[in-house]
Every structure is written in C-alpha cells, then in structure tokens.
C-alpha atoms as a PDB file:
ATOM      1  CA  MET A   1       0.311 -49.109  29.759  1.00  0.00           C
ATOM      2  CA  PHE A   2       4.045 -49.240  28.940  1.00  0.00           C
ATOM      3  CA  ASP A   3       3.496 -52.259  26.677  1.00  0.00           C
ATOM      4  CA  ARG A   4       0.841 -50.344  24.729  1.00  0.00           C
ATOM      5  CA  TYR A   5       3.137 -47.414  24.035  1.00  0.00           C
ATOM      6  CA  PHE A   6       6.015 -49.733  23.166  1.00  0.00           C
ATOM      7  CA  ASP A   7       3.734 -51.398  20.596  1.00  0.00           C
ATOM      8  CA  ILE A   8       2.825 -47.948  19.225  1.00  0.00           C
ATOM      9  CA  ILE A   9       6.522 -47.134  18.747  1.00  0.00           C
ATOM     10  CA  VAL A  10       7.274 -50.455  17.041  1.00  0.00           C
ATOM     11  CA  ASP A  11       4.211 -50.241  14.806  1.00  0.00           C
ATOM     12  CA  SER A  12       5.084 -46.659  13.870  1.00  0.00           C
ATOM     13  CA  TYR A  13       8.579 -47.609  12.735  1.00  0.00           C
ATOM     14  CA  VAL A  14       7.350 -50.622  10.780  1.00  0.00           C
ATOM     15  CA  ASP A  15       4.429 -48.767   9.195  1.00  0.00           C
ATOM     16  CA  TYR A  16       6.539 -45.765   8.190  1.00  0.00           C
ATOM     17  CA  ALA A  17       9.343 -47.936   6.785  1.00  0.00           C
ATOM     18  CA  ASN A  18       6.752 -49.816   4.709  1.00  0.00           C
ATOM     19  CA  TYR A  19       5.219 -46.502   3.630  1.00  0.00           C
ATOM     20  CA  LEU A  20       8.607 -45.174   2.477  1.00  0.00           C
ATOM     21  CA  TRP A  21       9.335 -48.340   0.535  1.00  0.00           C
ATOM     22  CA  GLU A  22       5.902 -48.190  -1.102  1.00  0.00           C
ATOM     23  CA  GLU A  23       6.351 -44.517  -1.979  1.00  0.00           C
ATOM     24  CA  ALA A  24       9.791 -45.041  -3.513  1.00  0.00           C
ATOM     25  CA  THR A  25       8.838 -48.109  -5.576  1.00  0.00           C
ATOM     26  CA  HIS A  26       5.210 -47.517  -6.637  1.00  0.00           C
ATOM     27  CA  PRO A  27       4.489 -44.228  -8.450  1.00  0.00           C
ATOM     28  CA  HIS A  28       0.854 -43.081  -8.332  1.00  0.00           C
ATOM     29  CA  PRO A  29      -0.978 -39.693  -8.478  1.00  0.00           C
ATOM     30  CA  SER A  30      -0.944 -39.147  -4.706  1.00  0.00           C
ATOM     31  CA  ASN A  31       2.596 -40.457  -4.224  1.00  0.00           C
ATOM     32  CA  TYR A  32       4.332 -37.869  -2.045  1.00  0.00           C
ATOM     33  CA  PHE A  33       7.882 -38.990  -2.862  1.00  0.00           C
ATOM     34  CA  PHE A  34       7.407 -38.578  -6.620  1.00  0.00           C
ATOM     35  CA  TRP A  35       5.346 -35.410  -6.195  1.00  0.00           C
ATOM     36  CA  LEU A  36       8.253 -33.806  -4.323  1.00  0.00           C
ATOM     37  CA  LEU A  37      10.679 -35.071  -6.962  1.00  0.00           C
ATOM     38  CA  GLY A  38       8.475 -33.908  -9.840  1.00  0.00           C
ATOM     39  CA  VAL A  39       7.808 -30.433  -8.415  1.00  0.00           C
ATOM     40  CA  SER A  40      11.516 -29.990  -7.663  1.00  0.00           C
ATOM     41  CA  LEU A  41      12.555 -30.992 -11.187  1.00  0.00           C
ATOM     42  CA  LEU A  42       9.918 -28.674 -12.679  1.00  0.00           C
ATOM     43  CA  PHE A  43      11.204 -25.614 -10.840  1.00  0.00           C
ATOM     44  CA  PHE A  44      14.814 -26.586 -11.463  1.00  0.00           C
ATOM     45  CA  LEU A  45      13.891 -26.537 -15.164  1.00  0.00           C
ATOM     46  CA  PHE A  46      12.350 -23.075 -14.750  1.00  0.00           C
ATOM     47  CA  GLU A  47      15.563 -21.893 -13.063  1.00  0.00           C
ATOM     48  CA  ILE A  48      17.609 -23.160 -16.016  1.00  0.00           C
ATOM     49  CA  VAL A  49      15.362 -21.834 -18.804  1.00  0.00           C
ATOM     50  CA  ALA A  50      14.331 -18.471 -17.305  1.00  0.00           C
ATOM     51  CA  PRO A  51      16.525 -17.564 -14.307  1.00  0.00           C
ATOM     52  CA  TRP A  52      15.704 -14.331 -12.491  1.00  0.00           C
ATOM     53  CA  ARG A  53      19.265 -13.930 -11.189  1.00  0.00           C
ATOM     54  CA  LYS A  54      21.068 -14.648 -14.454  1.00  0.00           C
ATOM     55  CA  GLY A  55      24.533 -14.461 -12.888  1.00  0.00           C
ATOM     56  CA  GLN A  56      23.760 -17.232 -10.378  1.00  0.00           C
ATOM     57  CA  ALA A  57      25.153 -20.662 -11.243  1.00  0.00           C
ATOM     58  CA  ARG A  58      22.603 -23.306 -12.235  1.00  0.00           C
ATOM     59  CA  ILE A  59      24.090 -25.579  -9.576  1.00  0.00           C
ATOM     60  CA  ARG A  60      24.144 -22.800  -7.022  1.00  0.00           C
ATOM     61  CA  LYS A  61      26.030 -22.649  -3.739  1.00  0.00           C
ATOM     62  CA  ASP A  62      24.810 -25.395  -1.344  1.00  0.00           C
ATOM     63  CA  PHE A  63      22.512 -26.914  -4.000  1.00  0.00           C
ATOM     64  CA  TRP A  64      23.339 -30.470  -2.882  1.00  0.00           C
ATOM     65  CA  LEU A  65      23.102 -29.587   0.814  1.00  0.00           C
ATOM     66  CA  ASP A  66      19.583 -28.265   0.268  1.00  0.00           C
ATOM     67  CA  GLY A  67      18.729 -31.352  -1.762  1.00  0.00           C
ATOM     68  CA  PHE A  68      19.711 -33.514   1.207  1.00  0.00           C
ATOM     69  CA  TYR A  69      17.637 -31.316   3.535  1.00  0.00           C
ATOM     70  CA  MET A  70      14.608 -31.926   1.295  1.00  0.00           C
ATOM     71  CA  PHE A  71      14.708 -35.667   1.774  1.00  0.00           C
ATOM     72  CA  PHE A  72      15.884 -35.561   5.387  1.00  0.00           C
ATOM     73  CA  ASN A  73      13.115 -33.254   6.593  1.00  0.00           C
ATOM     74  CA  PHE A  74      10.318 -34.949   4.657  1.00  0.00           C
ATOM     75  CA  PHE A  75      11.353 -38.578   4.950  1.00  0.00           C
ATOM     76  CA  LEU A  76      14.446 -39.533   6.968  1.00  0.00           C
ATOM     77  CA  PHE A  77      13.571 -37.463  10.050  1.00  0.00           C
ATOM     78  CA  SER A  78      10.176 -39.164  10.267  1.00  0.00           C
ATOM     79  CA  LEU A  79      11.814 -42.569   9.872  1.00  0.00           C
ATOM     80  CA  VAL A  80      14.487 -41.894  12.500  1.00  0.00           C
ATOM     81  CA  ILE A  81      12.221 -40.591  15.263  1.00  0.00           C
ATOM     82  CA  TYR A  82       9.467 -38.098  14.381  1.00  0.00           C
ATOM     83  CA  ASN A  83       6.732 -40.470  13.224  1.00  0.00           C
ATOM     84  CA  ALA A  84       7.031 -42.770  16.262  1.00  0.00           C
ATOM     85  CA  ALA A  85       7.421 -39.877  18.719  1.00  0.00           C
ATOM     86  CA  SER A  86       4.418 -38.009  17.326  1.00  0.00           C
ATOM     87  CA  ASP A  87       2.252 -41.145  17.479  1.00  0.00           C
ATOM     88  CA  VAL A  88       3.175 -41.583  21.140  1.00  0.00           C
ATOM     89  CA  VAL A  89       2.490 -37.910  21.964  1.00  0.00           C
ATOM     90  CA  VAL A  90      -0.885 -37.944  20.182  1.00  0.00           C
ATOM     91  CA  ASN A  91      -1.929 -41.090  22.044  1.00  0.00           C
ATOM     92  CA  LEU A  92      -0.749 -39.643  25.375  1.00  0.00           C
ATOM     93  CA  PHE A  93      -2.686 -36.464  24.656  1.00  0.00           C
ATOM     94  CA  ASN A  94      -5.842 -38.410  23.747  1.00  0.00           C
ATOM     95  CA  ASP A  95      -5.462 -40.538  26.893  1.00  0.00           C
ATOM     96  CA  LEU A  96      -5.178 -37.365  28.960  1.00  0.00           C
ATOM     97  CA  LEU A  97      -8.335 -35.937  27.381  1.00  0.00           C
ATOM     98  CA  ALA A  98     -10.122 -39.233  28.055  1.00  0.00           C
ATOM     99  CA  GLN A  99      -9.432 -38.766  31.755  1.00  0.00           C
ATOM    100  CA  PHE A 100     -11.695 -35.713  31.559  1.00  0.00           C
ATOM    101  CA  GLY A 101     -14.308 -37.487  29.484  1.00  0.00           C
ATOM    102  CA  ILE A 102     -13.249 -35.866  26.194  1.00  0.00           C
ATOM    103  CA  ARG A 103     -13.205 -38.396  23.375  1.00  0.00           C
ATOM    104  CA  ASN A 104     -13.113 -36.063  20.386  1.00  0.00           C
ATOM    105  CA  LEU A 105     -11.628 -32.593  19.906  1.00  0.00           C
ATOM    106  CA  VAL A 106     -13.731 -31.810  16.855  1.00  0.00           C
ATOM    107  CA  ALA A 107     -15.788 -28.690  17.601  1.00  0.00           C
ATOM    108  CA  ILE A 108     -16.757 -27.738  14.027  1.00  0.00           C
ATOM    109  CA  GLU A 109     -18.177 -30.382  11.712  1.00  0.00           C
ATOM    110  CA  ILE A 110     -17.521 -29.508   8.061  1.00  0.00           C
ATOM    111  CA  GLU A 111     -18.122 -32.877   6.397  1.00  0.00           C
ATOM    112  CA  SER A 112     -21.358 -31.573   4.856  1.00  0.00           C
ATOM    113  CA  TRP A 113     -19.564 -28.647   3.207  1.00  0.00           C
ATOM    114  CA  PRO A 114     -18.622 -28.827  -0.499  1.00  0.00           C
ATOM    115  CA  ALA A 115     -15.147 -30.285  -1.001  1.00  0.00           C
ATOM    116  CA  TRP A 116     -13.757 -27.030  -2.442  1.00  0.00           C
ATOM    117  CA  MET A 117     -14.949 -25.095   0.625  1.00  0.00           C
ATOM    118  CA  GLN A 118     -13.336 -27.601   3.004  1.00  0.00           C
ATOM    119  CA  LEU A 119     -10.024 -27.353   1.128  1.00  0.00           C
ATOM    120  CA  LEU A 120     -10.114 -23.554   0.960  1.00  0.00           C
ATOM    121  CA  THR A 121     -10.969 -23.263   4.663  1.00  0.00           C
ATOM    122  CA  LEU A 122      -8.156 -25.599   5.665  1.00  0.00           C
ATOM    123  CA  PHE A 123      -5.706 -23.816   3.368  1.00  0.00           C
ATOM    124  CA  VAL A 124      -6.497 -20.350   4.776  1.00  0.00           C
ATOM    125  CA  ILE A 125      -6.623 -21.382   8.465  1.00  0.00           C
ATOM    126  CA  ARG A 126      -3.457 -23.468   8.243  1.00  0.00           C
ATOM    127  CA  ASP A 127      -1.593 -20.675   6.441  1.00  0.00           C
ATOM    128  CA  PHE A 128      -2.634 -18.094   9.045  1.00  0.00           C
ATOM    129  CA  ILE A 129      -1.416 -20.375  11.834  1.00  0.00           C
ATOM    130  CA  HIS A 130       1.869 -20.880   9.985  1.00  0.00           C
ATOM    131  CA  TRP A 131       2.241 -17.130   9.461  1.00  0.00           C
ATOM    132  CA  ASN A 132       2.005 -16.613  13.217  1.00  0.00           C
ATOM    133  CA  VAL A 133       4.407 -19.471  13.955  1.00  0.00           C
ATOM    134  CA  HIS A 134       6.853 -18.025  11.433  1.00  0.00           C
ATOM    135  CA  ARG A 135       6.731 -14.683  13.265  1.00  0.00           C
ATOM    136  CA  LEU A 136       7.505 -16.510  16.526  1.00  0.00           C
ATOM    137  CA  LEU A 137      10.529 -18.157  14.915  1.00  0.00           C
ATOM    138  CA  HIS A 138      11.898 -14.679  14.253  1.00  0.00           C
ATOM    139  CA  ARG A 139      10.832 -12.926  17.427  1.00  0.00           C
ATOM    140  CA  VAL A 140      11.583 -15.496  20.130  1.00  0.00           C
ATOM    141  CA  PRO A 141      15.399 -15.619  20.524  1.00  0.00           C
ATOM    142  CA  ARG A 142      15.548 -19.339  21.327  1.00  0.00           C
ATOM    143  CA  LEU A 143      13.413 -20.228  18.298  1.00  0.00           C
ATOM    144  CA  TRP A 144      15.411 -17.872  16.081  1.00  0.00           C
ATOM    145  CA  GLU A 145      18.516 -19.990  16.734  1.00  0.00           C
ATOM    146  CA  PHE A 146      16.765 -22.905  15.018  1.00  0.00           C
ATOM    147  CA  HIS A 147      15.345 -20.747  12.234  1.00  0.00           C
ATOM    148  CA  LYS A 148      18.808 -19.424  11.427  1.00  0.00           C
ATOM    149  CA  VAL A 149      19.466 -22.663   9.570  1.00  0.00           C
ATOM    150  CA  HIS A 150      16.883 -21.670   6.969  1.00  0.00           C
ATOM    151  CA  HIS A 151      18.283 -18.147   6.768  1.00  0.00           C
ATOM    152  CA  SER A 152      21.837 -19.383   6.250  1.00  0.00           C
ATOM    153  CA  VAL A 153      20.963 -19.705   2.531  1.00  0.00           C
ATOM    154  CA  LEU A 154      23.258 -17.374   0.564  1.00  0.00           C
ATOM    155  CA  GLN A 155      21.954 -18.117  -2.940  1.00  0.00           C
ATOM    156  CA  MET A 156      18.242 -18.690  -3.381  1.00  0.00           C
ATOM    157  CA  GLY A 157      16.813 -21.666  -5.262  1.00  0.00           C
ATOM    158  CA  PHE A 158      13.766 -23.951  -5.051  1.00  0.00           C
ATOM    159  CA  ALA A 159      15.425 -26.451  -2.682  1.00  0.00           C
ATOM    160  CA  ALA A 160      16.198 -23.682  -0.163  1.00  0.00           C
ATOM    161  CA  HIS A 161      12.510 -23.978   0.716  1.00  0.00           C
ATOM    162  CA  LEU A 162      13.252 -27.166   2.658  1.00  0.00           C
ATOM    163  CA  ARG A 163      16.517 -26.224   4.339  1.00  0.00           C
ATOM    164  CA  PHE A 164      15.339 -25.969   7.937  1.00  0.00           C
ATOM    165  CA  HIS A 165      16.155 -27.439  11.327  1.00  0.00           C
ATOM    166  CA  TRP A 166      14.024 -30.416  12.393  1.00  0.00           C
ATOM    167  CA  MET A 167      12.943 -28.509  15.521  1.00  0.00           C
ATOM    168  CA  GLU A 168      10.868 -26.262  13.268  1.00  0.00           C
ATOM    169  CA  THR A 169       8.735 -29.264  12.318  1.00  0.00           C
ATOM    170  CA  ILE A 170       8.019 -29.892  15.998  1.00  0.00           C
ATOM    171  CA  VAL A 171       7.193 -26.225  16.694  1.00  0.00           C
ATOM    172  CA  TYR A 172       4.803 -25.952  13.750  1.00  0.00           C
ATOM    173  CA  ARG A 173       3.043 -29.265  14.469  1.00  0.00           C
ATOM    174  CA  VAL A 174       2.642 -28.638  18.212  1.00  0.00           C
ATOM    175  CA  ILE A 175       1.108 -25.191  17.697  1.00  0.00           C
ATOM    176  CA  GLU A 176      -1.180 -26.161  14.806  1.00  0.00           C
ATOM    177  CA  TYR A 177      -2.371 -29.494  16.251  1.00  0.00           C
ATOM    178  CA  ILE A 178      -5.202 -28.366  18.549  1.00  0.00           C
ATOM    179  CA  PRO A 179      -6.787 -25.635  16.356  1.00  0.00           C
ATOM    180  CA  LEU A 180      -6.780 -27.877  13.280  1.00  0.00           C
ATOM    181  CA  ALA A 181      -7.911 -30.934  15.261  1.00  0.00           C
ATOM    182  CA  MET A 182     -10.945 -28.951  16.421  1.00  0.00           C
ATOM    183  CA  ILE A 183     -12.157 -28.740  12.824  1.00  0.00           C
ATOM    184  CA  GLY A 184     -13.216 -32.013  11.218  1.00  0.00           C
ATOM    185  CA  PHE A 185     -10.752 -32.116   8.337  1.00  0.00           C
ATOM    186  CA  GLY A 186      -9.932 -35.503   6.835  1.00  0.00           C
ATOM    187  CA  ILE A 187      -6.474 -36.848   5.988  1.00  0.00           C
ATOM    188  CA  GLN A 188      -7.086 -36.444   2.241  1.00  0.00           C
ATOM    189  CA  GLU A 189      -7.825 -32.740   2.712  1.00  0.00           C
ATOM    190  CA  PHE A 190      -4.625 -32.301   4.726  1.00  0.00           C
ATOM    191  CA  PHE A 191      -2.619 -34.086   2.032  1.00  0.00           C
ATOM    192  CA  ALA A 192      -4.077 -32.010  -0.811  1.00  0.00           C
ATOM    193  CA  VAL A 193      -3.484 -28.705   1.000  1.00  0.00           C
ATOM    194  CA  HIS A 194       0.044 -29.760   1.942  1.00  0.00           C
ATOM    195  CA  LEU A 195       0.892 -30.484  -1.706  1.00  0.00           C
ATOM    196  CA  VAL A 196      -0.393 -27.061  -2.739  1.00  0.00           C
ATOM    197  CA  ALA A 197       1.631 -25.364   0.024  1.00  0.00           C
ATOM    198  CA  LEU A 198       4.720 -27.390  -0.962  1.00  0.00           C
ATOM    199  CA  THR A 199       4.410 -26.223  -4.554  1.00  0.00           C
ATOM    200  CA  ILE A 200       3.937 -22.557  -3.587  1.00  0.00           C
ATOM    201  CA  GLY A 201       6.924 -22.816  -1.219  1.00  0.00           C
ATOM    202  CA  HIS A 202       9.092 -24.084  -4.072  1.00  0.00           C
ATOM    203  CA  ILE A 203       7.913 -21.184  -6.249  1.00  0.00           C
ATOM    204  CA  ASN A 204       8.720 -18.595  -3.573  1.00  0.00           C
ATOM    205  CA  HIS A 205      12.318 -19.776  -3.204  1.00  0.00           C
ATOM    206  CA  ALA A 206      13.012 -20.548  -6.880  1.00  0.00           C
ATOM    207  CA  ASN A 207      15.340 -18.486  -9.049  1.00  0.00           C
ATOM    208  CA  PHE A 208      12.713 -17.322 -11.501  1.00  0.00           C
ATOM    209  CA  ARG A 209      10.248 -14.444 -11.664  1.00  0.00           C
ATOM    210  CA  PRO A 210       6.605 -15.379 -12.215  1.00  0.00           C
ATOM    211  CA  PRO A 211       4.235 -12.611 -13.384  1.00  0.00           C
ATOM    212  CA  ILE A 212       2.505 -11.884 -10.080  1.00  0.00           C
ATOM    213  CA  GLY A 213       0.674  -8.592 -10.846  1.00  0.00           C
ATOM    214  CA  PRO A 214      -2.265  -7.752  -8.518  1.00  0.00           C
ATOM    215  CA  LEU A 215      -2.001 -11.251  -7.015  1.00  0.00           C
ATOM    216  CA  ARG A 216       0.920  -9.876  -4.996  1.00  0.00           C
ATOM    217  CA  TYR A 217      -1.674  -8.806  -2.412  1.00  0.00           C
ATOM    218  CA  ILE A 218      -2.888 -12.384  -2.007  1.00  0.00           C
ATOM    219  CA  PHE A 219      -0.026 -14.790  -2.733  1.00  0.00           C
ATOM    220  CA  ASN A 220       3.622 -14.819  -1.706  1.00  0.00           C
ATOM    221  CA  SER A 221       6.181 -14.736  -4.532  1.00  0.00           C
ATOM    222  CA  PRO A 222       9.948 -14.932  -5.160  1.00  0.00           C
ATOM    223  CA  GLN A 223       9.990 -11.135  -5.556  1.00  0.00           C
ATOM    224  CA  MET A 224       8.437 -10.667  -2.128  1.00  0.00           C
ATOM    225  CA  HIS A 225      10.066 -13.549  -0.312  1.00  0.00           C
ATOM    226  CA  ILE A 226      13.606 -12.568  -1.339  1.00  0.00           C
ATOM    227  CA  TRP A 227      13.223  -9.638   1.085  1.00  0.00           C
ATOM    228  CA  HIS A 228      12.387 -12.013   3.906  1.00  0.00           C
ATOM    229  CA  HIS A 229      15.858 -13.498   3.371  1.00  0.00           C
ATOM    230  CA  ALA A 230      17.622 -10.138   3.060  1.00  0.00           C
ATOM    231  CA  LYS A 231      20.836  -9.911   5.076  1.00  0.00           C
ATOM    232  CA  GLU A 232      20.030  -6.370   6.153  1.00  0.00           C
ATOM    233  CA  LEU A 233      16.490  -5.399   7.134  1.00  0.00           C
ATOM    234  CA  PRO A 234      14.999  -2.353   8.898  1.00  0.00           C
ATOM    235  CA  ALA A 235      15.236  -2.334  12.691  1.00  0.00           C
ATOM    236  CA  ARG A 236      12.640  -5.000  13.353  1.00  0.00           C
ATOM    237  CA  LYS A 237      12.529  -8.783  13.635  1.00  0.00           C
ATOM    238  CA  GLY A 238      12.130  -9.633   9.971  1.00  0.00           C
ATOM    239  CA  ALA A 239       9.361  -8.981   7.453  1.00  0.00           C
ATOM    240  CA  ASN A 240       7.236 -10.743   4.815  1.00  0.00           C
ATOM    241  CA  TYR A 241       6.402 -13.747   7.000  1.00  0.00           C
ATOM    242  CA  GLY A 242       3.820 -15.190   4.608  1.00  0.00           C
ATOM    243  CA  LEU A 243       4.348 -18.782   3.539  1.00  0.00           C
ATOM    244  CA  SER A 244       1.719 -19.291   0.841  1.00  0.00           C
ATOM    245  CA  LEU A 245      -0.374 -16.150   1.301  1.00  0.00           C
ATOM    246  CA  SER A 246       0.948 -12.595   1.462  1.00  0.00           C
ATOM    247  CA  VAL A 247      -2.397 -11.178   2.577  1.00  0.00           C
ATOM    248  CA  TRP A 248      -1.510 -11.517   6.288  1.00  0.00           C
ATOM    249  CA  ASP A 249       1.567  -9.308   5.839  1.00  0.00           C
ATOM    250  CA  TRP A 250      -0.481  -6.643   4.059  1.00  0.00           C
ATOM    251  CA  ILE A 251      -3.188  -6.756   6.737  1.00  0.00           C
ATOM    252  CA  PHE A 252      -0.798  -6.647   9.715  1.00  0.00           C
ATOM    253  CA  ARG A 253       1.690  -4.276   8.058  1.00  0.00           C
ATOM    254  CA  THR A 254       4.708  -6.539   8.110  1.00  0.00           C
ATOM    255  CA  VAL A 255       5.496  -6.015   4.402  1.00  0.00           C
ATOM    256  CA  HIS A 256       8.960  -4.826   3.350  1.00  0.00           C
ATOM    257  CA  TRP A 257       9.318  -4.595  -0.434  1.00  0.00           C
ATOM    258  CA  PRO A 258      11.201  -1.422  -1.389  1.00  0.00           C
ATOM    259  CA  HIS A 259      12.341  -2.591  -4.871  1.00  0.00           C
ATOM    260  CA  SER A 260      12.900  -5.786  -6.871  1.00  0.00           C
ATOM    261  CA  GLY A 261      15.592  -7.131  -4.538  1.00  0.00           C
ATOM    262  CA  ARG A 262      16.904  -9.459  -7.211  1.00  0.00           C
ATOM    263  CA  ASP A 263      20.564  -9.190  -6.258  1.00  0.00           C
ATOM    264  CA  ILE A 264      20.443  -8.224  -2.589  1.00  0.00           C
ATOM    265  CA  PRO A 265      22.792 -10.048  -0.160  1.00  0.00           C
ATOM    266  CA  LEU A 266      21.030 -12.857   1.704  1.00  0.00           C
ATOM    267  CA  GLY A 267      21.422 -14.336   5.186  1.00  0.00           C
ATOM    268  CA  PHE A 268      21.787 -12.455   8.455  1.00  0.00           C
ATOM    269  CA  PRO A 269      24.564 -10.537  10.252  1.00  0.00           C
ATOM    270  CA  GLN A 270      27.467 -12.911  10.954  1.00  0.00           C
ATOM    271  CA  VAL A 271      26.120 -15.462   8.439  1.00  0.00           C
ATOM    272  CA  ASP A 272      29.660 -15.827   7.082  1.00  0.00           C
ATOM    273  CA  GLU A 273      30.641 -17.345  10.433  1.00  0.00           C
ATOM    274  CA  TYR A 274      27.735 -19.798  10.446  1.00  0.00           C
ATOM    275  CA  PRO A 275      28.575 -23.494   9.791  1.00  0.00           C
ATOM    276  CA  ASN A 276      27.848 -24.728   6.284  1.00  0.00           C
ATOM    277  CA  HIS A 277      27.593 -28.488   6.874  1.00  0.00           C
ATOM    278  CA  PHE A 278      24.460 -30.429   7.769  1.00  0.00           C
ATOM    279  CA  LEU A 279      25.578 -31.952  11.092  1.00  0.00           C
ATOM    280  CA  SER A 280      27.143 -28.746  12.369  1.00  0.00           C
ATOM    281  CA  GLN A 281      23.975 -26.819  11.462  1.00  0.00           C
ATOM    282  CA  MET A 282      21.879 -29.371  13.361  1.00  0.00           C
ATOM    283  CA  VAL A 283      24.045 -28.993  16.492  1.00  0.00           C
ATOM    284  CA  MET A 284      24.605 -25.220  16.338  1.00  0.00           C
ATOM    285  CA  PRO A 285      21.271 -24.074  17.890  1.00  0.00           C
ATOM    286  CA  PHE A 286      21.877 -26.271  20.956  1.00  0.00           C
ATOM    287  CA  ARG A 287      25.260 -24.722  21.766  1.00  0.00           C
ATOM    288  CA  GLU A 288      25.344 -22.564  24.878  1.00  0.00           C
ATOM    289  CA  ASP A 289      27.007 -19.731  22.954  1.00  0.00           C
ATOM    290  CA  ALA A 290      24.466 -19.796  20.118  1.00  0.00           C
ATOM    291  CA  GLY A 291      23.226 -16.327  19.378  1.00  0.00           C
END
C-alpha cells in the first residue's frame, strides 16, 4: 500500500513538471499558461487605456507582488506540493469509499445533455458553492486569517484577483469536491468553466469600469466588487461575496453598494500593520497572535 502511494507522489511530480514545461513551450488554444498571460495583458491594456481610478499609477502599489502570486498560486504551488498531495488524498478517499462498496460518486448523469447546458449547470453550481465558501472565509475567524492576504490589497488591479493564501485553494477544493464529483462533469467542462471564471475574476479586480447596466443583478463587476474590498464596512462580516455571479448576493441580501466607490480606501482595519512581502504573508496566518 505504501509503495502504491509513493508511486502516486512520484508520478504526480513528474507529470506536473512535464505539464508545466509543455504549457510554457507549446502555445495552443487550450494552453492555460498562455491564457492566463493573455487575459492578464488584455486587462492591463484596459487599465492603461481607460482607467477607472485615473489617479492610480499604471504600475500600481504591489503590482509585481500580485504578479508573482498569479504564477505561484496557479503553477508553482501545484508543482511544490499541491498536485501530489491532492492526488494522494483523492486516491485515499476513493480507497475508503471502495471499502463500503462505492466505486463511483456520480449520482447525476448529464452526459446526454447538450454541451451548453452542461457548461451552464457547472458554472452556476460551482459559483454558488464558491459564494458560500467565500462567506465562510469571512465569517470563520480562523479562515479569515488566511483570507486577509487577499484583502491586504490597497490599490485594485487585475492581478489582485490572484493574491491569496494557498490555504484558500485547499479550502475551496475540499468543500467543492464531493458535490461536483456527484455530477458527471468531464475535465474539459471543468477547464472551460474555470477559464470563464478566471476572466470574470480579472474583470472584477481590474482598474476599469465596464458598462454593466441591468446585468449588475446577474454578474459581479469592478463597481460592485470594490465594496467587497472596502476598508470600512457596515457592522457585519463583509458583503458582495459573489465571485462571478452577483445574483446570490441579491437573493440572500448581502449586497452593499451605496455609491460608485471608485476612490474608497481598501483593506481592513489595521491593514497598515499587515506584512507586505510574500513570505511574511504566507506565515502570518499561522502565528499564534494572528487576529
């Protein structure tokens, strides 16, 4: 048994290293590395040509730190430990289920559905799960210590989307794994929906103002999301938790959008005392005096 899991770990490292090399050296339409790069450059161009906060520097505060977070959270973290660890956990979980005679978690078969319906269903269900996880990150004190990293952003820009502590990846994946595994989505559907969510996340953090109009009641936007990052909020644990969709906040009355919010101070109380370097931000939530 130990040898099997050791082989899983070794294979995971080798496979992911090969995947990274392939992504970085062979551009193609579904290449995640170049998609991230392309989407980031597109919204950086929008920020230069039509900035919403015109007084904010093009190379804003912590621009390069957030750029490093982008590649760490999406690539380096998986290479260092996440990909191998998640493969081991998934196999352990499947082995545990096998002990009870369960070979497959899929409870809803959707392969016969039209492709657009599969993608829309996955997009909506995944976003609702993420909305609830996001609320937990704000409302559970221990989780908030990790989420503070994301809220330490003082000037908003597209790359702020991916400034977050690696523990958030674990929290999101653990909570979403079983409900999504129970629906027969394929890897291609997951990839397509993830790219759409990535793009919307970049939009919501970018320094530009898209014409949202009535779509404000369906989709998140920079105008709405800026209030999620407001330094001072009403006496409750945050607001505007939507990641891609705003509809959950309207339904569950967690919207806070009193005016444009273009120039409001960002962060949280005591954010000026929060560390502003990558390693110190990674360690901060584990300190006994955190919070």
